[in-house]
Amino acid sequence: MALNENIVREQDERVAAFVRTPTFVVVAAALPGLFAATSTVNGIAIGLATAVAILAMAVVAPLFRRFTGAFSFLPLTLLAGATVSVLVSFGVRVADPAAYESLGIYLPLTCVNAMAVVFVACDGFTADPTSKSSVGTAAFAALCALATLVFVGFINEMFSTGVVFGLTMPELAASPLSIFGTPAGSLLVLALVAAFVQSICDVCASSENAKEDER
């Protein structure tokens, strides 16, 4: 029995350490809007919507926790998350109606990020590289979501249509890669982004270990 408890405790520690890495933050922040990032414009729109939802709820959730009771906190934050999602969707519709029509149901899904941030902020969750501030972690997640979704949209558009910033690349336009511009292609790009972020983390960790060995 004690052995099983030790194994469970060790697994919990590993999971807790993993979810506090930049790699996990990047993937979790970008995933709900990933399938909508099929072009650069769509990537910018869904990235901004996601970033705004994350930041808004990171600020609102602690205030609600301070001024509401245990039973009223959840419904009020759900209402606030839905309101943020509606306002963000309206903002995108006003700024770019074509992008709004293209994103469709994926814009309200930014509420998923917003509600995740509610529980993250209330539990005091922090992750590297902003391990001292839950609001800083939310800001880092918002920045990662925006950058990742714009990059995913750019890659999808480039390889599926051969168009880069309005310029057509004849080689890519003549033989586009069909996997890009689809959810599978977006997941592939996100995996590459995650691998790149993890490689940077590994290099930083190796550098820190080398400095400690020298001391």
Protein backbone atom coordinates (compact mmCIF):
# COMPACT_ATOMS: atom_id res chain seq x y z
CA MET A 1 0.00 0.00 0.00
CA ALA A 2 2.81 2.37 0.89
CA LEU A 3 4.54 1.52 -2.38
CA ASN A 4 1.42 2.43 -4.35
CA GLU A 5 1.12 5.72 -2.46
CA ASN A 6 4.75 6.52 -3.24
CA ILE A 7 4.18 5.79 -6.94
CA VAL A 8 1.05 7.98 -7.02
CA ARG A 9 2.88 10.78 -5.20
CA GLU A 10 5.79 10.58 -7.64
CA GLN A 11 3.42 10.66 -10.62
CA ASP A 12 1.60 13.68 -9.18
CA GLU A 13 4.90 15.49 -8.74
CA ARG A 14 5.87 14.77 -12.34
CA VAL A 15 2.52 16.02 -13.65
CA ALA A 16 2.74 19.16 -11.49
CA ALA A 17 6.24 19.84 -12.80
CA PHE A 18 5.18 19.25 -16.41
CA VAL A 19 2.18 21.59 -16.38
CA ARG A 20 4.41 24.37 -15.08
CA THR A 21 6.70 24.32 -18.10
CA PRO A 22 6.59 26.89 -20.92
CA THR A 23 5.92 24.07 -23.40
CA PHE A 24 2.68 23.11 -21.68
CA VAL A 25 1.58 26.75 -21.38
CA VAL A 26 2.16 27.31 -25.12
CA VAL A 27 0.16 24.22 -26.14
CA ALA A 28 -2.69 24.75 -23.67
CA ALA A 29 -3.10 28.43 -24.55
CA ALA A 30 -3.16 27.90 -28.32
CA LEU A 31 -5.11 24.64 -28.58
CA PRO A 32 -8.74 25.89 -28.37
CA GLY A 33 -8.22 28.29 -31.28
CA LEU A 34 -5.90 26.05 -33.25
CA PHE A 35 -8.31 24.70 -35.87
CA ALA A 36 -9.45 28.21 -36.82
CA ALA A 37 -5.93 29.39 -37.68
CA THR A 38 -6.08 28.37 -41.33
CA SER A 39 -4.64 31.64 -42.66
CA THR A 40 -2.57 34.54 -41.38
CA VAL A 41 -5.63 36.80 -40.99
CA ASN A 42 -7.57 34.10 -39.17
CA GLY A 43 -4.55 33.37 -36.99
CA ILE A 44 -4.25 37.03 -36.00
CA ALA A 45 -7.99 37.31 -35.29
CA ILE A 46 -8.29 34.15 -33.19
CA GLY A 47 -4.95 34.86 -31.52
CA LEU A 48 -6.01 38.34 -30.44
CA ALA A 49 -9.40 37.05 -29.29
CA THR A 50 -7.75 34.33 -27.22
CA ALA A 51 -5.18 36.70 -25.74
CA VAL A 52 -7.83 39.25 -24.76
CA ALA A 53 -10.02 36.56 -23.17
CA ILE A 54 -7.11 35.19 -21.14
CA LEU A 55 -5.99 38.61 -19.91
CA ALA A 56 -9.51 39.79 -19.13
CA MET A 57 -10.35 36.78 -16.99
CA ALA A 58 -6.94 36.81 -15.32
CA VAL A 59 -7.85 40.28 -14.02
CA VAL A 60 -11.54 39.62 -13.29
CA ALA A 61 -11.28 36.22 -11.56
CA PRO A 62 -9.27 37.36 -8.51
CA LEU A 63 -11.63 40.32 -8.03
CA PHE A 64 -14.66 38.05 -8.15
CA ARG A 65 -13.04 35.69 -5.68
CA ARG A 66 -12.50 38.60 -3.29
CA PHE A 67 -16.02 40.03 -3.43
CA THR A 68 -18.23 36.95 -3.94
CA GLY A 69 -19.13 33.94 -1.84
CA ALA A 70 -18.38 30.30 -2.52
CA PHE A 71 -21.75 29.67 -4.21
CA SER A 72 -21.96 32.86 -6.26
CA PHE A 73 -18.38 32.82 -7.55
CA LEU A 74 -18.77 30.14 -10.21
CA PRO A 75 -21.99 31.40 -11.88
CA LEU A 76 -20.73 34.98 -11.87
CA THR A 77 -17.40 34.03 -13.43
CA LEU A 78 -19.18 31.88 -16.02
CA LEU A 79 -21.29 34.91 -16.88
CA ALA A 80 -18.19 37.10 -17.05
CA GLY A 81 -16.39 34.59 -19.28
CA ALA A 82 -19.37 34.40 -21.65
CA THR A 83 -19.59 38.21 -21.70
CA VAL A 84 -15.90 38.53 -22.57
CA SER A 85 -16.34 35.98 -25.34
CA VAL A 86 -19.35 37.85 -26.79
CA LEU A 87 -17.56 41.21 -26.64
CA VAL A 88 -14.45 39.77 -28.29
CA SER A 89 -16.58 38.20 -31.03
CA PHE A 90 -18.35 41.53 -31.58
CA GLY A 91 -15.00 43.32 -31.78
CA VAL A 92 -13.76 40.91 -34.45
CA ARG A 93 -17.03 41.29 -36.36
CA VAL A 94 -16.65 45.07 -36.40
CA ALA A 95 -12.94 45.04 -37.26
CA ASP A 96 -13.04 42.34 -39.95
CA PRO A 97 -16.43 40.88 -40.96
CA ALA A 98 -14.78 38.43 -43.36
CA ALA A 99 -12.60 36.99 -40.59
CA TYR A 100 -15.64 36.83 -38.30
CA GLU A 101 -17.57 34.76 -40.84
CA SER A 102 -14.55 32.52 -41.42
CA LEU A 103 -13.91 31.83 -37.74
CA GLY A 104 -17.54 31.05 -36.97
CA ILE A 105 -18.05 28.92 -33.85
CA TYR A 106 -14.37 29.05 -32.93
CA LEU A 107 -14.59 32.61 -31.64
CA PRO A 108 -16.89 31.67 -28.73
CA LEU A 109 -14.45 28.87 -27.90
CA THR A 110 -12.11 31.55 -26.57
CA CYS A 111 -14.39 31.27 -23.54
CA VAL A 112 -12.68 27.92 -22.89
CA ASN A 113 -9.39 29.71 -22.34
CA ALA A 114 -11.09 32.35 -20.25
CA MET A 115 -12.70 29.85 -17.88
CA ALA A 116 -9.48 27.86 -17.59
CA VAL A 117 -7.75 31.05 -16.47
CA VAL A 118 -10.42 31.53 -13.78
CA PHE A 119 -9.42 28.33 -12.03
CA VAL A 120 -5.74 28.88 -12.72
CA ALA A 121 -5.81 32.36 -11.18
CA CYS A 122 -7.82 31.26 -8.15
CA ASP A 123 -5.48 28.39 -7.38
CA GLY A 124 -2.46 30.66 -7.64
CA PHE A 125 -1.05 28.62 -10.53
CA THR A 126 2.29 29.84 -11.84
CA ALA A 127 4.63 28.47 -14.47
CA ASP A 128 8.07 29.22 -15.83
CA PRO A 129 9.34 31.73 -16.84
CA THR A 130 6.94 33.78 -14.67
CA SER A 131 6.93 31.43 -11.71
CA LYS A 132 6.34 34.20 -9.15
CA SER A 133 3.09 35.63 -10.52
CA SER A 134 -0.16 34.01 -11.65
CA VAL A 135 -1.09 37.17 -13.57
CA GLY A 136 2.35 37.10 -15.20
CA THR A 137 1.74 33.48 -16.17
CA ALA A 138 -1.60 34.46 -17.73
CA ALA A 139 0.10 37.27 -19.65
CA PHE A 140 2.76 34.85 -20.86
CA ALA A 141 0.02 32.42 -21.95
CA ALA A 142 -1.79 35.21 -23.82
CA LEU A 143 1.40 36.22 -25.64
CA CYS A 144 2.17 32.60 -26.49
CA ALA A 145 -1.37 32.03 -27.80
CA LEU A 146 -1.18 35.09 -30.04
CA ALA A 147 2.28 34.31 -31.42
CA THR A 148 1.58 30.61 -31.90
CA LEU A 149 -1.78 31.05 -33.64
CA VAL A 150 -0.40 33.74 -35.97
CA PHE A 151 2.52 31.45 -36.86
CA VAL A 152 0.21 28.47 -37.41
CA GLY A 153 -2.02 30.56 -39.67
CA PHE A 154 0.99 31.85 -41.61
CA ILE A 155 2.39 28.35 -42.21
CA ASN A 156 -1.03 26.96 -43.16
CA GLU A 157 -1.63 29.74 -45.68
CA MET A 158 1.87 29.54 -47.14
CA PHE A 159 1.87 25.79 -47.76
CA SER A 160 -1.79 25.38 -48.71
CA THR A 161 -2.11 28.34 -51.10
CA GLY A 162 1.43 29.48 -51.85
CA VAL A 163 0.56 33.03 -50.75
CA VAL A 164 2.84 34.92 -48.36
CA PHE A 165 1.78 38.44 -47.29
CA GLY A 166 -0.21 38.84 -50.49
CA LEU A 167 2.63 37.59 -52.70
CA THR A 168 2.24 34.34 -54.60
CA MET A 169 5.09 31.82 -54.60
CA PRO A 170 4.69 29.92 -57.90
CA GLU A 171 6.36 26.72 -56.66
CA LEU A 172 4.09 26.36 -53.64
CA ALA A 173 0.98 27.53 -55.52
CA ALA A 174 1.58 24.89 -58.21
CA SER A 175 1.96 22.03 -55.74
CA PRO A 176 0.33 22.92 -52.39
CA LEU A 177 0.56 20.53 -49.45
CA SER A 178 -2.96 19.38 -48.75
CA ILE A 179 -2.36 18.61 -45.06
CA PHE A 180 -1.89 22.29 -44.28
CA GLY A 181 -4.99 24.41 -43.94
CA THR A 182 -6.62 21.51 -42.08
CA PRO A 183 -6.77 20.63 -38.36
CA ALA A 184 -4.12 17.95 -38.91
CA GLY A 185 -1.74 20.49 -40.40
CA SER A 186 -2.38 22.91 -37.55
CA LEU A 187 -1.61 20.20 -35.00
CA LEU A 188 1.61 19.39 -36.85
CA VAL A 189 2.74 23.03 -36.73
CA LEU A 190 1.82 23.26 -33.04
CA ALA A 191 3.89 20.15 -32.35
CA LEU A 192 6.86 21.76 -34.09
CA VAL A 193 6.39 24.94 -32.03
CA ALA A 194 6.21 22.87 -28.84
CA ALA A 195 9.39 21.01 -29.81
CA PHE A 196 11.16 24.31 -30.47
CA VAL A 197 10.08 25.77 -27.11
CA GLN A 198 11.11 22.59 -25.30
CA SER A 199 14.52 22.65 -26.98
CA ILE A 200 15.07 26.20 -25.70
CA CYS A 201 14.05 25.09 -22.20
CA ASP A 202 16.48 22.16 -22.38
CA VAL A 203 19.32 24.43 -23.49
CA CYS A 204 18.59 26.86 -20.64
CA ALA A 205 18.46 23.99 -18.13
CA SER A 206 21.74 22.58 -19.40
CA SER A 207 23.35 26.00 -19.13
CA GLU A 208 22.16 26.43 -15.54
CA ASN A 209 23.43 22.96 -14.62
CA ALA A 210 26.81 23.75 -16.14
CA LYS A 211 27.06 26.96 -14.11
CA GLU A 212 26.17 25.10 -10.92
CA ASP A 213 28.84 22.47 -11.65
CA GLU A 214 31.44 25.19 -12.13
CA ARG A 215 30.58 26.64 -8.74
